[in-house]
Amino acid sequence: MNDKTKKIVFLLFGLLLFTSTNYSQIYVSTSGNDSSNTGTFDLPFKTITKAISVAVMGDTIFVRGGIYSLTSTISIGSSKSGNSSLRYYLFAYGDERPLLDFSAMAVGSSNRGIYLRASYWYIKGIDIKGAGDNGMNISGSNNIIEFCALYENRDSGLQLSGGASNNQIINCDSYYNVDPGQGNADGFSPKLDVGTGNYFYGCRSWQNSDDGWDGYLRPRPLIEITTILENCWCFMNGYLKSGVASYGNGNGYKMGGSDSANLAHNFILKNCIAFDNRVKGFDQNNNRGSMTLYNCTGYNNLSKNYSISGYIDASESLVVKNSIVLGSLGSLGSFAIQSSNSWLSPFTPAAVSDFISVDTVGVRGPRKSDGSLPDVGFMHLASGSQFVDAGIDVGIPYKGSAPDLGAFESDYTSDITINNELPSEFSISENYPNPFNPSTSFIISVPYQSRVNLSVYDILGNKVRTLLDENKSAGNYKIIWDSKADNGEDVSSGIYLVRFSVPVRSTAIKVILMK
């Protein structure tokens, strides 16, 4: 696609994305000029900092591909915050991939790559390398960071602190980050004085010198802190890029902890996998909060796959359901609420034959064009595995008569539950348009009369709307979700799950409301 064609496509994209033509599209290019250019497609700025200085709510900054060699932090202050109806947008242009290379920046605690103190920003498709501290540090709230890679930074790839709350980190990678002492650089760090409601989806964290995820708190939070991870992969943390062991902790998901105080960081992990980490896979550290693990998989973490055995506050709980370990379990406290885990009766211990592959080839592979994780066979259940359709319903969409165990839901059912007379054509289409504002539509297919429920949930699992809950005869139905329809109440921008449920199955799709 040449530049002229791209320009036409993105002008059309801009018209679809925004409800008003008053909002600007600002362009940044390695060949641009901040002093003489005006930030148009043909006369782009040189730096993102210049583009930010002239942007107003609703504007989109498009960054052209190429390497931007930088030595100063790109700071987005709170005065540049959007709101629930109108965001700021910082996007890679088309399928181009801009790299912000801070390798020449000095090491220092204030030398971040991007320092996002503002709220309601949407940053997508931008890579950050070599910052003197965090690749990206967020203290603002209600931001979306999507399809970004953060690597070889001199502290954690992405850190959330300073009260950062309700941020969404979607389909991002963080790897090869290492600090001088090797004991601080994690892949993702929702820690210290972080706020609540931060959500990670489809993220990968590997070969960071300390941990994959770190939820360590300091000081005591004024509110209860909850962090959610879903469909995330975490591996080989505690090793350097060269493969040599680091001096860091080397855990996968470190779900909390504190200095001298016994602080509670509530962690919820769904469909997450930890493997080949130098020490532990799923690690309590000394977290006293609630920890919930649904459909998680641990394999070949060298010390312990699961290590959650210390005491927790009396008001909190540890729940582990539908999870798998290949190898030794490690340790779970006697207070754990467990169900349908591979190490429990009636299952026999998981074996290599339960999986399509235990070969990690492809786990670092390129993401799909939409940013989603690559397709791999690693740790997916083999046909006929004892763990297919063997779980319990924990609210995660599944195929077949019951959920599978582990992080990956298979497309087949066990021999025991196959019944050719059972319906196989209940379905929901992807919504159109997506992203949308204010309404989008779905097509649901019902092969015979059945009770049908179609509900919308936010990333914390709270129900936002019930779009349909009634008996439907066989047929195809178009269902519309108008985000402003119910009693005039508005719904804020963000990612939502629309769950289609009938008595025999449940499935969900991800939708994006963008204002």
Protein backbone atom coordinates (compact mmCIF):
# COMPACT_ATOMS: atom_id res chain seq x y z
CA MET A 1 0.00 0.00 0.00
CA ASN A 2 1.58 3.31 -1.07
CA ASP A 3 1.45 6.53 0.98
CA LYS A 4 -1.38 8.01 -1.07
CA THR A 5 -3.56 4.94 -0.57
CA LYS A 6 -2.69 4.81 3.14
CA LYS A 7 -3.62 8.45 3.51
CA ILE A 8 -7.06 7.82 2.00
CA VAL A 9 -7.60 4.76 4.19
CA PHE A 10 -6.73 6.65 7.36
CA LEU A 11 -8.86 9.63 6.49
CA LEU A 12 -11.76 7.20 6.17
CA PHE A 13 -10.69 5.55 9.43
CA GLY A 14 -10.78 8.91 11.13
CA LEU A 15 -14.32 9.56 9.91
CA LEU A 16 -15.45 6.19 11.24
CA LEU A 17 -13.61 6.53 14.54
CA PHE A 18 -14.94 9.88 15.63
CA THR A 19 -18.43 11.32 15.67
CA SER A 20 -17.26 14.82 14.78
CA THR A 21 -14.93 16.13 12.06
CA ASN A 22 -13.62 18.80 14.46
CA TYR A 23 -11.00 16.42 15.81
CA SER A 24 -7.55 16.53 14.21
CA GLN A 25 -5.21 13.87 12.93
CA ILE A 26 -1.63 14.80 13.76
CA TYR A 27 1.30 13.02 12.09
CA VAL A 28 4.82 12.31 13.31
CA SER A 29 7.63 11.01 11.12
CA THR A 30 11.38 10.46 11.41
CA SER A 31 11.70 12.85 8.44
CA GLY A 32 9.44 15.50 9.98
CA ASN A 33 10.20 18.94 11.38
CA ASP A 34 8.86 20.44 14.61
CA SER A 35 9.69 24.06 13.86
CA SER A 36 8.48 24.48 10.28
CA ASN A 37 5.90 21.72 9.73
CA THR A 38 2.26 21.78 10.79
CA GLY A 39 1.74 18.11 11.70
CA THR A 40 -0.26 17.15 8.62
CA PHE A 41 0.25 13.95 6.65
CA ASP A 42 2.44 15.77 4.12
CA LEU A 43 4.15 18.02 6.69
CA PRO A 44 4.58 15.85 9.78
CA PHE A 45 6.20 16.76 13.07
CA LYS A 46 9.52 15.23 14.06
CA THR A 47 8.65 14.27 17.63
CA ILE A 48 5.76 12.84 19.60
CA THR A 49 6.39 15.47 22.26
CA LYS A 50 5.60 18.24 19.77
CA ALA A 51 2.45 16.44 18.64
CA ILE A 52 1.29 16.05 22.25
CA SER A 53 1.81 19.76 22.88
CA VAL A 54 -0.72 20.75 20.20
CA ALA A 55 -3.20 17.86 20.60
CA VAL A 56 -6.59 18.37 22.23
CA MET A 57 -9.16 15.83 23.42
CA GLY A 58 -10.42 13.70 20.55
CA ASP A 59 -7.27 14.14 18.45
CA THR A 60 -5.29 11.21 17.08
CA ILE A 61 -1.51 11.30 16.80
CA PHE A 62 -0.36 8.89 14.08
CA VAL A 63 3.30 7.87 14.33
CA ARG A 64 4.96 6.70 11.12
CA GLY A 65 7.24 3.66 11.12
CA GLY A 66 10.97 3.87 11.70
CA ILE A 67 13.45 4.26 14.53
CA TYR A 68 13.18 7.36 16.73
CA SER A 69 16.45 7.77 18.65
CA LEU A 70 15.63 9.61 21.87
CA THR A 71 17.36 10.66 25.08
CA SER A 72 14.51 12.50 26.86
CA THR A 73 11.31 11.15 28.39
CA ILE A 74 8.07 11.60 26.49
CA SER A 75 5.98 13.06 29.30
CA ILE A 76 2.19 13.20 29.11
CA GLY A 77 1.04 15.29 32.06
CA SER A 78 -2.33 15.24 33.79
CA SER A 79 -3.29 18.51 32.07
CA LYS A 80 -3.58 16.44 28.87
CA SER A 81 -6.21 14.07 30.29
CA GLY A 82 -9.27 13.11 28.32
CA ASN A 83 -12.54 11.96 29.84
CA SER A 84 -14.97 9.05 29.59
CA SER A 85 -16.53 10.50 26.44
CA LEU A 86 -13.43 11.78 24.67
CA ARG A 87 -9.93 10.29 24.68
CA TYR A 88 -6.54 11.19 23.29
CA TYR A 89 -5.14 8.67 20.77
CA LEU A 90 -1.49 7.81 20.07
CA PHE A 91 -1.41 5.17 17.32
CA ALA A 92 1.12 3.61 15.00
CA TYR A 93 0.20 4.53 11.44
CA GLY A 94 -1.37 1.64 9.53
CA ASP A 95 0.72 -1.51 9.62
CA GLU A 96 3.92 0.48 10.19
CA ARG A 97 5.85 -0.15 13.40
CA PRO A 98 7.54 2.82 15.10
CA LEU A 99 10.36 2.07 17.56
CA LEU A 100 11.16 4.59 20.28
CA ASP A 101 14.82 3.79 20.99
CA PHE A 102 16.10 5.29 24.24
CA SER A 103 19.31 3.24 24.30
CA ALA A 104 21.43 6.40 24.55
CA MET A 105 19.50 7.59 27.62
CA ALA A 106 21.39 7.51 30.92
CA VAL A 107 20.29 5.04 33.59
CA GLY A 108 18.23 6.85 36.23
CA SER A 109 15.03 6.43 38.21
CA SER A 110 13.33 9.34 36.41
CA ASN A 111 14.47 8.37 32.93
CA ARG A 112 11.35 6.61 31.66
CA GLY A 113 10.54 6.17 28.00
CA ILE A 114 6.92 7.31 28.19
CA TYR A 115 5.67 8.78 31.48
CA LEU A 116 1.87 8.78 31.32
CA ARG A 117 0.38 10.79 34.19
CA ALA A 118 -2.73 11.65 32.18
CA SER A 119 -5.95 9.65 32.01
CA TYR A 120 -8.09 8.44 29.10
CA TRP A 121 -5.30 7.90 26.57
CA TYR A 122 -5.27 5.08 24.04
CA ILE A 123 -1.76 4.07 22.89
CA LYS A 124 -1.41 1.35 20.28
CA GLY A 125 1.25 -0.29 18.13
CA ILE A 126 4.36 1.46 19.47
CA ASP A 127 7.57 -0.28 20.62
CA ILE A 128 9.82 1.11 23.37
CA LYS A 129 13.43 0.03 23.85
CA GLY A 130 16.34 0.90 26.10
CA ALA A 131 14.85 3.50 28.47
CA GLY A 132 17.00 4.44 31.49
CA ASP A 133 14.23 3.21 33.79
CA ASN A 134 10.75 1.90 32.85
CA GLY A 135 9.89 1.65 29.19
CA MET A 136 6.49 3.06 30.15
CA ASN A 137 5.40 4.31 33.57
CA ILE A 138 1.70 4.99 34.16
CA SER A 139 0.24 6.89 37.11
CA GLY A 140 -2.90 7.99 35.24
CA SER A 141 -6.13 6.03 35.06
CA ASN A 142 -8.56 4.65 32.49
CA ASN A 143 -5.90 4.36 29.80
CA ILE A 144 -5.65 1.63 27.15
CA ILE A 145 -2.23 0.35 26.06
CA GLU A 146 -2.51 -2.12 23.19
CA PHE A 147 -0.17 -4.10 20.92
CA CYS A 148 3.01 -2.50 22.28
CA ALA A 149 6.38 -4.13 22.96
CA LEU A 150 8.70 -2.98 25.74
CA TYR A 151 12.17 -4.49 25.79
CA GLU A 152 15.77 -4.00 26.91
CA ASN A 153 14.75 -1.21 29.28
CA ARG A 154 16.78 -0.60 32.45
CA ASP A 155 13.90 -1.33 34.82
CA SER A 156 10.45 -2.89 34.40
CA GLY A 157 9.06 -2.76 30.89
CA LEU A 158 5.73 -1.29 32.02
CA GLN A 159 5.03 -0.09 35.55
CA LEU A 160 1.71 1.00 37.05
CA SER A 161 2.03 3.02 40.25
CA GLY A 162 1.19 6.42 41.71
CA GLY A 163 -2.49 5.52 42.08
CA ALA A 164 -2.88 4.22 38.51
CA SER A 165 -6.28 2.55 38.29
CA ASN A 166 -8.63 0.97 35.74
CA ASN A 167 -6.00 0.81 33.02
CA GLN A 168 -6.19 -1.88 30.33
CA ILE A 169 -2.99 -3.45 29.01
CA ILE A 170 -3.99 -5.48 25.95
CA ASN A 171 -1.84 -7.82 23.82
CA CYS A 172 1.49 -6.33 24.91
CA ASP A 173 4.94 -7.95 25.23
CA SER A 174 7.62 -7.11 27.79
CA TYR A 175 10.98 -8.88 27.64
CA TYR A 176 14.76 -8.65 28.11
CA ASN A 177 14.36 -5.84 30.64
CA VAL A 178 17.23 -5.70 33.14
CA ASP A 179 18.29 -3.13 35.74
CA PRO A 180 21.93 -2.68 36.83
CA GLY A 181 21.44 -4.79 39.97
CA GLN A 182 19.14 -7.25 38.13
CA GLY A 183 16.69 -7.35 41.06
CA ASN A 184 14.04 -4.79 40.00
CA ALA A 185 13.28 -5.17 36.30
CA ASP A 186 10.01 -7.05 35.82
CA GLY A 187 8.00 -7.45 32.66
CA PHE A 188 4.87 -5.80 34.07
CA SER A 189 4.75 -4.11 37.49
CA PRO A 190 1.36 -3.15 38.96
CA LYS A 191 3.04 -2.40 42.26
CA LEU A 192 4.08 -0.05 45.08
CA ASP A 193 1.33 2.61 45.37
CA VAL A 194 -0.69 1.30 42.42
CA GLY A 195 -4.45 1.81 42.29
CA THR A 196 -7.11 -0.83 41.68
CA GLY A 197 -8.93 -2.29 38.68
CA ASN A 198 -5.95 -2.65 36.33
CA TYR A 199 -6.43 -5.37 33.74
CA PHE A 200 -3.98 -7.31 31.54
CA TYR A 201 -5.23 -9.34 28.60
CA GLY A 202 -3.21 -11.45 26.13
CA CYS A 203 0.17 -10.19 27.39
CA ARG A 204 3.51 -12.02 27.34
CA SER A 205 6.43 -11.50 29.72
CA TRP A 206 9.73 -13.31 29.27
CA GLN A 207 13.41 -13.19 30.23
CA ASN A 208 13.16 -10.20 32.52
CA SER A 209 15.88 -10.08 35.15
CA ASP A 210 13.46 -10.12 38.12
CA ASP A 211 9.86 -11.34 37.72
CA GLY A 212 7.29 -11.61 34.95
CA TRP A 213 4.57 -9.76 36.88
CA ASP A 214 5.18 -8.12 40.27
CA GLY A 215 2.36 -6.91 42.54
CA TYR A 216 4.57 -5.83 45.47
CA LEU A 217 2.94 -3.04 47.51
CA ARG A 218 4.38 -0.09 49.41
CA PRO A 219 3.06 1.80 51.38
CA ARG A 220 -0.25 0.57 52.79
CA PRO A 221 -3.00 1.34 50.23
CA LEU A 222 -6.00 3.39 51.30
CA ILE A 223 -8.35 1.18 49.27
CA GLU A 224 -8.50 -2.52 48.45
CA ILE A 225 -6.33 -3.24 45.41
CA THR A 226 -7.40 -5.77 42.76
CA THR A 227 -5.46 -6.65 39.60
CA ILE A 228 -6.79 -8.99 36.88
CA LEU A 229 -4.79 -11.01 34.35
CA GLU A 230 -6.42 -13.01 31.57
CA ASN A 231 -4.91 -15.14 28.77
CA CYS A 232 -1.34 -14.17 29.71
CA TRP A 233 1.92 -16.10 29.16
CA CYS A 234 4.89 -15.81 31.51
CA PHE A 235 8.16 -17.68 30.97
CA MET A 236 11.93 -17.75 31.52
CA ASN A 237 11.95 -14.84 33.93
CA GLY A 238 15.09 -14.71 36.05
CA TYR A 239 17.28 -15.10 32.97
CA LEU A 240 19.09 -12.51 30.88
CA LYS A 241 18.74 -12.14 27.13
CA SER A 242 21.84 -14.30 26.74
CA GLY A 243 20.14 -17.12 28.64
CA VAL A 244 22.43 -16.74 31.68
CA ALA A 245 20.67 -16.76 35.07
CA SER A 246 20.18 -13.29 36.57
CA TYR A 247 20.52 -12.24 40.21
CA GLY A 248 16.79 -11.39 40.36
CA ASN A 249 13.98 -13.36 41.97
CA GLY A 250 13.06 -15.24 38.80
CA ASN A 251 9.36 -15.80 39.44
CA GLY A 252 6.51 -15.79 36.95
CA TYR A 253 3.46 -14.18 38.53
CA LYS A 254 4.46 -12.61 41.86
CA MET A 255 1.04 -11.76 43.17
CA GLY A 256 1.88 -9.37 45.99
CA GLY A 257 3.96 -8.82 49.05
CA SER A 258 5.28 -5.83 50.98
CA ASP A 259 8.15 -4.69 53.17
CA SER A 260 7.40 -5.09 56.88
CA ALA A 261 3.62 -4.64 56.66
CA ASN A 262 1.36 -7.52 55.70
CA LEU A 263 -0.35 -5.92 52.72
CA ALA A 264 -3.13 -7.40 50.62
CA HIS A 265 -3.10 -7.29 46.83
CA ASN A 266 -6.06 -9.19 45.38
CA PHE A 267 -5.00 -10.99 42.21
CA ILE A 268 -7.32 -12.73 39.73
CA LEU A 269 -5.69 -14.92 37.07
CA LYS A 270 -7.72 -16.55 34.29
CA ASN A 271 -6.35 -18.81 31.55
CA CYS A 272 -2.76 -17.89 32.42
CA ILE A 273 0.31 -20.05 31.88
CA ALA A 274 3.69 -20.04 33.67
CA PHE A 275 6.60 -22.14 32.45
CA ASP A 276 10.39 -22.31 32.48
CA ASN A 277 10.73 -19.51 35.05
CA ARG A 278 13.97 -19.82 37.02
CA VAL A 279 12.26 -20.14 40.41
CA LYS A 280 8.45 -20.17 40.86
CA GLY A 281 5.54 -20.05 38.44
CA PHE A 282 2.59 -18.74 40.47
CA ASP A 283 4.05 -17.07 43.55
CA GLN A 284 2.26 -15.67 46.59
CA ASN A 285 5.43 -14.03 47.88
CA ASN A 286 3.99 -12.75 51.18
CA ASN A 287 0.72 -11.43 49.80
CA ARG A 288 -2.07 -11.44 52.38
CA GLY A 289 -4.87 -10.69 49.91
CA SER A 290 -7.26 -12.90 47.98
CA MET A 291 -5.85 -14.87 45.08
CA THR A 292 -8.07 -16.50 42.46
CA LEU A 293 -6.65 -18.82 39.80
CA TYR A 294 -9.04 -20.18 37.18
CA ASN A 295 -7.85 -22.45 34.35
CA CYS A 296 -4.15 -21.81 34.88
CA THR A 297 -1.28 -24.04 33.73
CA GLY A 298 2.12 -24.49 35.37
CA TYR A 299 5.02 -26.40 33.82
CA ASN A 300 8.76 -26.69 34.40
CA ASN A 301 9.16 -23.76 36.78
CA LEU A 302 12.39 -24.88 38.38
CA SER A 303 11.63 -24.41 42.08
CA LYS A 304 7.83 -24.68 42.33
CA ASN A 305 5.04 -24.47 39.81
CA TYR A 306 2.56 -23.19 42.40
CA SER A 307 3.76 -21.59 45.64
CA ILE A 308 0.83 -20.18 47.63
CA SER A 309 1.01 -21.55 51.12
CA GLY A 310 1.59 -18.60 53.46
CA TYR A 311 -1.23 -17.26 55.60
CA ILE A 312 -3.68 -14.71 54.21
CA ASP A 313 -5.97 -12.28 56.00
CA ALA A 314 -9.02 -13.88 57.59
CA SER A 315 -11.32 -11.89 55.32
CA GLU A 316 -9.54 -13.04 52.14
CA SER A 317 -9.51 -16.33 50.22
CA LEU A 318 -7.41 -18.51 47.93
CA VAL A 319 -9.42 -20.16 45.14
CA VAL A 320 -7.83 -22.51 42.59
CA LYS A 321 -10.10 -24.24 40.08
CA ASN A 322 -9.77 -25.99 36.69
CA SER A 323 -5.98 -25.68 36.83
CA ILE A 324 -3.20 -27.99 35.64
CA VAL A 325 0.34 -28.79 36.66
CA LEU A 326 2.65 -30.95 34.59
CA GLY A 327 5.29 -32.12 37.04
CA SER A 328 5.33 -31.48 40.77
CA LEU A 329 2.69 -29.15 42.19
CA GLY A 330 4.75 -27.20 44.71
CA SER A 331 2.62 -26.02 47.62
CA LEU A 332 -0.88 -24.70 48.26
CA GLY A 333 -2.18 -23.78 51.69
CA SER A 334 -4.66 -26.05 53.41
CA PHE A 335 -7.07 -23.11 53.36
CA ALA A 336 -7.24 -23.19 49.54
CA ILE A 337 -10.68 -23.65 48.01
CA GLN A 338 -10.03 -26.14 45.22
CA SER A 339 -12.05 -27.90 42.57
CA SER A 340 -11.34 -29.84 39.36
CA ASN A 341 -7.56 -29.37 39.46
CA SER A 342 -5.31 -31.90 37.74
CA TRP A 343 -3.67 -32.95 41.02
CA LEU A 344 -7.00 -33.79 42.67
CA SER A 345 -9.12 -36.96 42.50
CA PRO A 346 -10.43 -38.44 40.23
CA PHE A 347 -7.59 -37.42 37.90
CA THR A 348 -4.29 -39.19 37.55
CA PRO A 349 -1.24 -36.88 37.46
CA ALA A 350 -0.89 -35.00 34.19
CA ALA A 351 1.39 -36.66 31.65
CA VAL A 352 3.04 -35.45 28.47
CA SER A 353 0.48 -37.52 26.55
CA ASP A 354 -2.29 -35.24 27.85
CA PHE A 355 -0.97 -32.45 25.62
CA ILE A 356 -0.54 -31.86 21.91
CA SER A 357 2.98 -30.60 22.60
CA VAL A 358 5.25 -29.57 25.45
CA ASP A 359 7.70 -28.01 22.98
CA THR A 360 7.92 -24.23 23.46
CA VAL A 361 8.69 -23.50 19.82
CA GLY A 362 6.67 -20.47 18.71
CA VAL A 363 5.85 -19.00 22.12
CA ARG A 364 7.98 -15.93 21.30
CA GLY A 365 6.64 -15.80 17.76
CA PRO A 366 5.16 -12.72 16.11
CA ARG A 367 1.64 -11.78 17.05
CA LYS A 368 -1.19 -11.86 14.57
CA SER A 369 -2.02 -8.71 12.63
CA ASP A 370 -4.65 -7.74 15.20
CA GLY A 371 -2.15 -8.13 18.03
CA SER A 372 -3.51 -11.40 19.39
CA LEU A 373 -1.23 -14.21 20.55
CA PRO A 374 0.25 -16.62 18.01
CA ASP A 375 -1.27 -20.05 17.53
CA VAL A 376 0.88 -22.73 19.16
CA GLY A 377 0.33 -26.34 20.16
CA PHE A 378 2.24 -25.91 23.42
CA MET A 379 0.26 -27.12 26.47
CA HIS A 380 -2.97 -27.47 24.48
CA LEU A 381 -4.85 -30.60 25.48
CA ALA A 382 -4.65 -33.64 23.23
CA SER A 383 -7.79 -35.31 21.97
CA GLY A 384 -8.81 -37.91 24.51
CA SER A 385 -7.01 -36.21 27.40
CA GLN A 386 -8.65 -36.82 30.78
CA PHE A 387 -8.85 -33.03 31.23
CA VAL A 388 -11.14 -32.28 28.27
CA ASP A 389 -14.64 -31.25 29.43
CA ALA A 390 -13.61 -32.13 32.99
CA GLY A 391 -13.86 -28.74 34.70
CA ILE A 392 -16.60 -26.75 36.36
CA ASP A 393 -18.22 -23.53 35.16
CA VAL A 394 -16.35 -20.57 36.66
CA GLY A 395 -17.81 -17.98 34.31
CA ILE A 396 -15.23 -18.34 31.54
CA PRO A 397 -16.68 -19.18 28.08
CA TYR A 398 -16.11 -22.78 27.03
CA LYS A 399 -16.91 -25.26 24.28
CA GLY A 400 -18.45 -28.66 24.79
CA SER A 401 -20.44 -29.83 27.80
CA ALA A 402 -18.07 -28.41 30.44
CA PRO A 403 -14.85 -26.37 30.59
CA ASP A 404 -11.50 -28.01 29.93
CA LEU A 405 -8.79 -27.84 32.56
CA GLY A 406 -5.84 -25.55 31.96
CA ALA A 407 -5.24 -22.35 30.07
CA PHE A 408 -6.34 -23.46 26.60
CA GLU A 409 -9.90 -24.52 25.73
CA SER A 410 -10.00 -27.22 23.04
CA ASP A 411 -12.35 -27.45 20.08
CA TYR A 412 -13.30 -31.05 20.74
CA THR A 413 -15.17 -32.85 23.49
CA SER A 414 -14.26 -36.02 25.32
CA ASP A 415 -15.51 -39.38 24.04
CA ILE A 416 -17.74 -39.64 27.09
CA THR A 417 -19.74 -36.50 26.32
CA ILE A 418 -20.08 -36.77 22.54
CA ASN A 419 -23.74 -37.03 21.52
CA ASN A 420 -24.68 -36.46 17.90
CA GLU A 421 -28.17 -35.29 18.89
CA LEU A 422 -26.86 -32.38 20.95
CA PRO A 423 -27.06 -28.97 19.17
CA SER A 424 -23.88 -27.84 17.49
CA GLU A 425 -24.93 -24.61 15.82
CA PHE A 426 -25.68 -22.17 18.61
CA SER A 427 -23.47 -19.22 17.69
CA ILE A 428 -22.92 -15.50 17.88
CA SER A 429 -21.25 -13.50 15.14
CA GLU A 430 -18.53 -10.94 15.69
CA ASN A 431 -20.20 -7.60 16.22
CA TYR A 432 -20.30 -4.89 13.58
CA PRO A 433 -18.97 -2.30 13.74
CA ASN A 434 -16.10 -2.94 16.14
CA PRO A 435 -14.83 -0.59 17.59
CA PHE A 436 -18.20 1.15 17.79
CA ASN A 437 -19.95 4.26 19.09
CA PRO A 438 -22.70 4.34 20.21
CA SER A 439 -24.25 1.08 18.91
CA THR A 440 -23.23 -2.25 17.43
CA SER A 441 -25.10 -5.36 16.30
CA PHE A 442 -24.75 -9.13 16.64
CA ILE A 443 -26.32 -12.06 14.82
CA ILE A 444 -27.20 -14.99 17.04
CA SER A 445 -28.17 -18.39 15.65
CA VAL A 446 -30.57 -20.68 17.53
CA PRO A 447 -31.02 -24.19 16.00
CA TYR A 448 -34.11 -25.02 18.05
CA GLN A 449 -36.30 -23.40 20.70
CA SER A 450 -34.19 -22.51 23.69
CA ARG A 451 -33.74 -20.03 26.49
CA VAL A 452 -31.20 -17.45 25.31
CA ASN A 453 -29.28 -14.89 27.33
CA LEU A 454 -27.07 -12.17 25.88
CA SER A 455 -25.36 -10.01 28.48
CA VAL A 456 -22.56 -7.43 28.53
CA TYR A 457 -19.82 -7.46 31.20
CA ASP A 458 -16.98 -5.05 31.95
CA ILE A 459 -13.41 -6.26 32.51
CA LEU A 460 -14.02 -6.70 36.24
CA GLY A 461 -16.85 -9.12 35.57
CA ASN A 462 -19.63 -6.69 36.46
CA LYS A 463 -22.78 -7.00 34.36
CA VAL A 464 -23.39 -3.81 32.39
CA ARG A 465 -26.44 -4.74 30.29
CA THR A 466 -28.79 -7.63 29.65
CA LEU A 467 -29.56 -7.43 25.94
CA LEU A 468 -31.73 -10.54 25.73
CA ASP A 469 -33.10 -13.08 28.22
CA GLU A 470 -36.04 -15.04 26.83
CA ASN A 471 -37.13 -18.17 24.97
CA LYS A 472 -36.40 -18.03 21.25
CA SER A 473 -37.59 -20.35 18.52
CA ALA A 474 -35.21 -21.58 15.83
CA GLY A 475 -33.84 -18.83 13.62
CA ASN A 476 -31.30 -16.05 13.20
CA TYR A 477 -31.75 -12.84 15.18
CA LYS A 478 -30.12 -9.46 14.93
CA ILE A 479 -29.51 -7.95 18.37
CA ILE A 480 -28.40 -4.34 18.78
CA TRP A 481 -26.54 -2.92 21.76
CA ASP A 482 -27.04 0.82 22.03
CA SER A 483 -24.62 2.00 24.71
CA LYS A 484 -26.89 4.97 25.47
CA ALA A 485 -30.24 3.25 25.30
CA ASP A 486 -31.07 2.12 28.84
CA ASN A 487 -32.80 4.96 30.68
CA GLY A 488 -30.43 7.38 29.06
CA GLU A 489 -27.50 5.96 31.03
CA ASP A 490 -24.18 6.19 29.24
CA VAL A 491 -21.44 3.54 29.18
CA SER A 492 -17.79 4.61 29.24
CA SER A 493 -15.23 3.72 26.59
CA GLY A 494 -13.39 0.44 27.02
CA ILE A 495 -13.31 -3.27 26.35
CA TYR A 496 -16.37 -5.35 27.17
CA LEU A 497 -17.29 -9.01 26.91
CA VAL A 498 -20.63 -9.95 25.40
CA ARG A 499 -21.62 -13.39 26.67
CA PHE A 500 -24.05 -15.56 24.70
CA SER A 501 -25.51 -18.28 26.91
CA VAL A 502 -27.94 -21.13 26.29
CA PRO A 503 -28.53 -24.13 28.56
CA VAL A 504 -25.99 -26.30 26.76
CA ARG A 505 -23.14 -23.84 26.23
CA SER A 506 -21.74 -20.38 26.68
CA THR A 507 -19.37 -18.26 24.64
CA ALA A 508 -18.21 -14.67 24.61
CA ILE A 509 -16.72 -12.13 22.26
CA LYS A 510 -14.67 -9.02 22.96
CA VAL A 511 -16.07 -5.66 21.85
CA ILE A 512 -14.57 -2.19 22.05
CA LEU A 513 -16.63 0.91 22.75
CA MET A 514 -14.59 3.91 21.65
CA LYS A 515 -15.73 7.49 22.23
